[in-house]
C-alpha atoms as a PDB file:
ATOM      1  CA  MET A   1     142.706 -15.572 -18.604  1.00  0.00           C
ATOM      2  CA  ARG A   2     140.208 -14.548 -21.237  1.00  0.00           C
ATOM      3  CA  PRO A   3     138.088 -17.307 -22.891  1.00  0.00           C
ATOM      4  CA  ARG A   4     138.796 -18.093 -26.516  1.00  0.00           C
ATOM      5  CA  PRO A   5     136.244 -16.490 -28.852  1.00  0.00           C
ATOM      6  CA  CYS A   6     134.277 -18.855 -31.062  1.00  0.00           C
ATOM      7  CA  PRO A   7     135.566 -19.006 -34.677  1.00  0.00           C
ATOM      8  CA  CYS A   8     131.930 -18.762 -35.944  1.00  0.00           C
ATOM      9  CA  GLY A   9     131.850 -15.047 -35.160  1.00  0.00           C
ATOM     10  CA  LEU A  10     129.232 -15.001 -32.419  1.00  0.00           C
ATOM     11  CA  PRO A  11     130.275 -13.119 -29.264  1.00  0.00           C
ATOM     12  CA  GLU A  12     130.131 -16.191 -27.021  1.00  0.00           C
ATOM     13  CA  PRO A  13     133.298 -18.070 -25.985  1.00  0.00           C
ATOM     14  CA  PHE A  14     134.069 -21.244 -27.967  1.00  0.00           C
ATOM     15  CA  ASP A  15     133.164 -23.608 -25.103  1.00  0.00           C
ATOM     16  CA  THR A  16     129.638 -22.240 -24.701  1.00  0.00           C
ATOM     17  CA  CYS A  17     129.059 -21.619 -28.419  1.00  0.00           C
ATOM     18  CA  CYS A  18     130.084 -24.139 -31.051  1.00  0.00           C
ATOM     19  CA  GLY A  19     132.374 -26.053 -28.702  1.00  0.00           C
ATOM     20  CA  ARG A  20     129.367 -27.712 -27.079  1.00  0.00           C
ATOM     21  CA  TYR A  21     128.418 -29.350 -30.405  1.00  0.00           C
ATOM     22  CA  LEU A  22     131.914 -30.606 -31.344  1.00  0.00           C
ATOM     23  CA  GLY A  23     133.524 -33.781 -29.998  1.00  0.00           C
ATOM     24  CA  GLU A  24     132.214 -37.326 -29.810  1.00  0.00           C
ATOM     25  CA  THR A  25     129.755 -36.496 -27.012  1.00  0.00           C
ATOM     26  CA  GLY A  26     128.741 -33.109 -28.375  1.00  0.00           C
ATOM     27  CA  ASP A  27     125.163 -31.911 -28.102  1.00  0.00           C
ATOM     28  CA  ALA A  28     122.922 -31.881 -31.173  1.00  0.00           C
ATOM     29  CA  ALA A  29     122.675 -28.392 -32.654  1.00  0.00           C
ATOM     30  CA  PRO A  30     119.146 -27.006 -32.085  1.00  0.00           C
ATOM     31  CA  THR A  31     118.876 -25.184 -35.433  1.00  0.00           C
ATOM     32  CA  ALA A  32     120.241 -25.472 -38.970  1.00  0.00           C
ATOM     33  CA  GLU A  33     122.177 -22.221 -38.432  1.00  0.00           C
ATOM     34  CA  ALA A  34     123.761 -23.508 -35.242  1.00  0.00           C
ATOM     35  CA  LEU A  35     124.848 -26.647 -37.097  1.00  0.00           C
ATOM     36  CA  MET A  36     126.235 -24.589 -39.987  1.00  0.00           C
ATOM     37  CA  ARG A  37     128.196 -22.410 -37.564  1.00  0.00           C
ATOM     38  CA  SER A  38     129.555 -25.520 -35.769  1.00  0.00           C
ATOM     39  CA  ARG A  39     130.591 -27.002 -39.114  1.00  0.00           C
ATOM     40  CA  TYR A  40     132.400 -23.762 -40.033  1.00  0.00           C
ATOM     41  CA  THR A  41     134.154 -23.961 -36.669  1.00  0.00           C
ATOM     42  CA  ALA A  42     135.030 -27.612 -37.352  1.00  0.00           C
ATOM     43  CA  PHE A  43     136.639 -26.545 -40.628  1.00  0.00           C
ATOM     44  CA  ALA A  44     138.529 -23.805 -38.830  1.00  0.00           C
ATOM     45  CA  ARG A  45     139.757 -26.217 -36.154  1.00  0.00           C
ATOM     46  CA  GLY A  46     140.362 -29.229 -38.394  1.00  0.00           C
ATOM     47  CA  ASP A  47     137.663 -31.413 -36.752  1.00  0.00           C
ATOM     48  CA  VAL A  48     136.943 -33.891 -39.572  1.00  0.00           C
ATOM     49  CA  ASP A  49     134.992 -36.211 -37.237  1.00  0.00           C
ATOM     50  CA  HIS A  50     132.386 -33.501 -36.529  1.00  0.00           C
ATOM     51  CA  LEU A  51     132.066 -32.704 -40.239  1.00  0.00           C
ATOM     52  CA  LEU A  52     131.489 -36.358 -41.231  1.00  0.00           C
ATOM     53  CA  ARG A  53     129.163 -37.056 -38.242  1.00  0.00           C
ATOM     54  CA  THR A  54     126.913 -34.071 -39.159  1.00  0.00           C
ATOM     55  CA  TRP A  55     126.829 -34.832 -42.915  1.00  0.00           C
ATOM     56  CA  HIS A  56     123.730 -36.613 -44.234  1.00  0.00           C
ATOM     57  CA  PRO A  57     124.574 -40.225 -45.064  1.00  0.00           C
ATOM     58  CA  THR A  58     123.185 -39.959 -48.610  1.00  0.00           C
ATOM     59  CA  THR A  59     125.670 -37.173 -49.556  1.00  0.00           C
ATOM     60  CA  ARG A  60     128.531 -37.735 -47.094  1.00  0.00           C
ATOM     61  CA  PRO A  61     131.910 -38.644 -48.591  1.00  0.00           C
ATOM     62  CA  THR A  62     133.598 -41.786 -47.275  1.00  0.00           C
ATOM     63  CA  THR A  63     136.681 -39.769 -46.274  1.00  0.00           C
ATOM     64  CA  LEU A  64     137.473 -36.096 -45.907  1.00  0.00           C
ATOM     65  CA  THR A  65     140.901 -34.476 -45.924  1.00  0.00           C
ATOM     66  CA  LEU A  66     141.223 -30.824 -44.948  1.00  0.00           C
ATOM     67  CA  ASP A  67     143.956 -28.666 -46.438  1.00  0.00           C
ATOM     68  CA  PRO A  68     146.109 -27.503 -43.482  1.00  0.00           C
ATOM     69  CA  SER A  69     147.324 -24.479 -45.500  1.00  0.00           C
ATOM     70  CA  VAL A  70     143.792 -23.001 -45.587  1.00  0.00           C
ATOM     71  CA  ARG A  71     143.008 -20.807 -42.587  1.00  0.00           C
ATOM     72  CA  TRP A  72     139.372 -19.916 -42.153  1.00  0.00           C
ATOM     73  CA  THR A  73     139.158 -16.294 -40.938  1.00  0.00           C
ATOM     74  CA  GLN A  74     135.543 -15.062 -40.902  1.00  0.00           C
ATOM     75  CA  LEU A  75     131.978 -16.285 -41.272  1.00  0.00           C
ATOM     76  CA  GLU A  76     129.048 -14.120 -42.477  1.00  0.00           C
ATOM     77  CA  VAL A  77     125.523 -15.547 -42.324  1.00  0.00           C
ATOM     78  CA  LEU A  78     123.541 -13.899 -45.118  1.00  0.00           C
ATOM     79  CA  ASP A  79     120.141 -15.601 -45.062  1.00  0.00           C
ATOM     80  CA  ARG A  80     118.185 -18.382 -43.345  1.00  0.00           C
ATOM     81  CA  VAL A  81     114.995 -20.103 -44.451  1.00  0.00           C
ATOM     82  CA  GLY A  82     113.371 -22.529 -42.020  1.00  0.00           C
ATOM     83  CA  GLY A  83     115.804 -24.550 -39.947  1.00  0.00           C
ATOM     84  CA  GLY A  84     114.220 -23.603 -36.641  1.00  0.00           C
ATOM     85  CA  LEU A  85     113.317 -25.609 -33.550  1.00  0.00           C
ATOM     86  CA  LEU A  86     110.114 -26.964 -35.085  1.00  0.00           C
ATOM     87  CA  ASP A  87     111.284 -27.387 -38.713  1.00  0.00           C
ATOM     88  CA  THR A  88     112.510 -30.496 -40.490  1.00  0.00           C
ATOM     89  CA  ASP A  89     114.491 -28.720 -43.179  1.00  0.00           C
ATOM     90  CA  GLY A  90     116.313 -25.444 -43.582  1.00  0.00           C
ATOM     91  CA  VAL A  91     118.593 -23.405 -45.771  1.00  0.00           C
ATOM     92  CA  VAL A  92     121.475 -21.205 -44.603  1.00  0.00           C
ATOM     93  CA  GLU A  93     123.412 -18.925 -46.988  1.00  0.00           C
ATOM     94  CA  PHE A  94     126.816 -17.788 -45.903  1.00  0.00           C
ATOM     95  CA  ARG A  95     130.176 -16.452 -46.878  1.00  0.00           C
ATOM     96  CA  ALA A  96     133.222 -18.145 -45.349  1.00  0.00           C
ATOM     97  CA  HIS A  97     136.409 -16.148 -45.719  1.00  0.00           C
ATOM     98  CA  HIS A  98     139.778 -17.858 -45.809  1.00  0.00           C
ATOM     99  CA  ARG A  99     143.462 -17.267 -46.302  1.00  0.00           C
ATOM    100  CA  GLU A 100     145.998 -19.545 -48.006  1.00  0.00           C
ATOM    101  CA  GLY A 101     149.439 -18.131 -47.738  1.00  0.00           C
ATOM    102  CA  ARG A 102     149.146 -14.528 -48.927  1.00  0.00           C
ATOM    103  CA  ARG A 103     146.021 -15.164 -50.965  1.00  0.00           C
ATOM    104  CA  THR A 104     142.523 -14.619 -49.625  1.00  0.00           C
ATOM    105  CA  GLY A 105     139.305 -16.142 -50.816  1.00  0.00           C
ATOM    106  CA  VAL A 106     135.632 -16.459 -50.057  1.00  0.00           C
ATOM    107  CA  LEU A 107     133.344 -19.502 -50.225  1.00  0.00           C
ATOM    108  CA  HIS A 108     129.793 -18.300 -50.833  1.00  0.00           C
ATOM    109  CA  GLU A 109     127.314 -21.169 -50.385  1.00  0.00           C
ATOM    110  CA  ARG A 110     123.615 -21.787 -49.924  1.00  0.00           C
ATOM    111  CA  SER A 111     123.508 -24.943 -47.768  1.00  0.00           C
ATOM    112  CA  ARG A 112     120.550 -27.293 -47.265  1.00  0.00           C
ATOM    113  CA  PHE A 113     119.962 -29.010 -43.926  1.00  0.00           C
ATOM    114  CA  VAL A 114     117.521 -31.683 -42.790  1.00  0.00           C
ATOM    115  CA  ARG A 115     116.557 -32.785 -39.273  1.00  0.00           C
ATOM    116  CA  GLU A 116     116.249 -36.525 -38.725  1.00  0.00           C
ATOM    117  CA  ALA A 117     115.703 -38.305 -35.394  1.00  0.00           C
ATOM    118  CA  GLY A 118     116.155 -34.926 -33.659  1.00  0.00           C
ATOM    119  CA  GLN A 119     119.529 -34.134 -35.213  1.00  0.00           C
ATOM    120  CA  TRP A 120     120.269 -31.560 -37.864  1.00  0.00           C
ATOM    121  CA  LEU A 121     122.413 -32.802 -40.771  1.00  0.00           C
ATOM    122  CA  TYR A 122     124.103 -31.023 -43.662  1.00  0.00           C
ATOM    123  CA  ARG A 123     122.621 -32.345 -46.899  1.00  0.00           C
ATOM    124  CA  ASP A 124     124.356 -30.364 -49.598  1.00  0.00           C
ATOM    125  CA  GLY A 125     125.114 -26.849 -50.830  1.00  0.00           C
ATOM    126  CA  THR A 126     125.262 -24.733 -53.914  1.00  0.00           C
ATOM    127  CA  ALA A 127     128.273 -22.451 -54.367  1.00  0.00           C
ATOM    128  CA  ARG A 128     127.336 -18.925 -55.487  1.00  0.00           C
END
């Protein structure tokens, strides 16, 4: 049986790509981009816990409800600034393609991330 591909678009199987960051005992993402990709994957898989856990407490909503009619279909990473192994902040710009029924759409965002206590967190983003 062939391993499931990761929804984030990298060629690795889900379990060795974003899957290792999801779940209650998931590893901390090593870079801002890895966290952004895991958050996209969490949206695609409906993993609200991962999204809330990796959201900075100063901007995190108290609850999050995902629309089950939205199917995330493709991720394009357009730009990265900082967010590396030795950085404390970073920016990742991306396009996330989705389908809702017969309609398609694209979320284009420039997201800001911060690393605190060794863990990358999503701070906020600006839609483009």
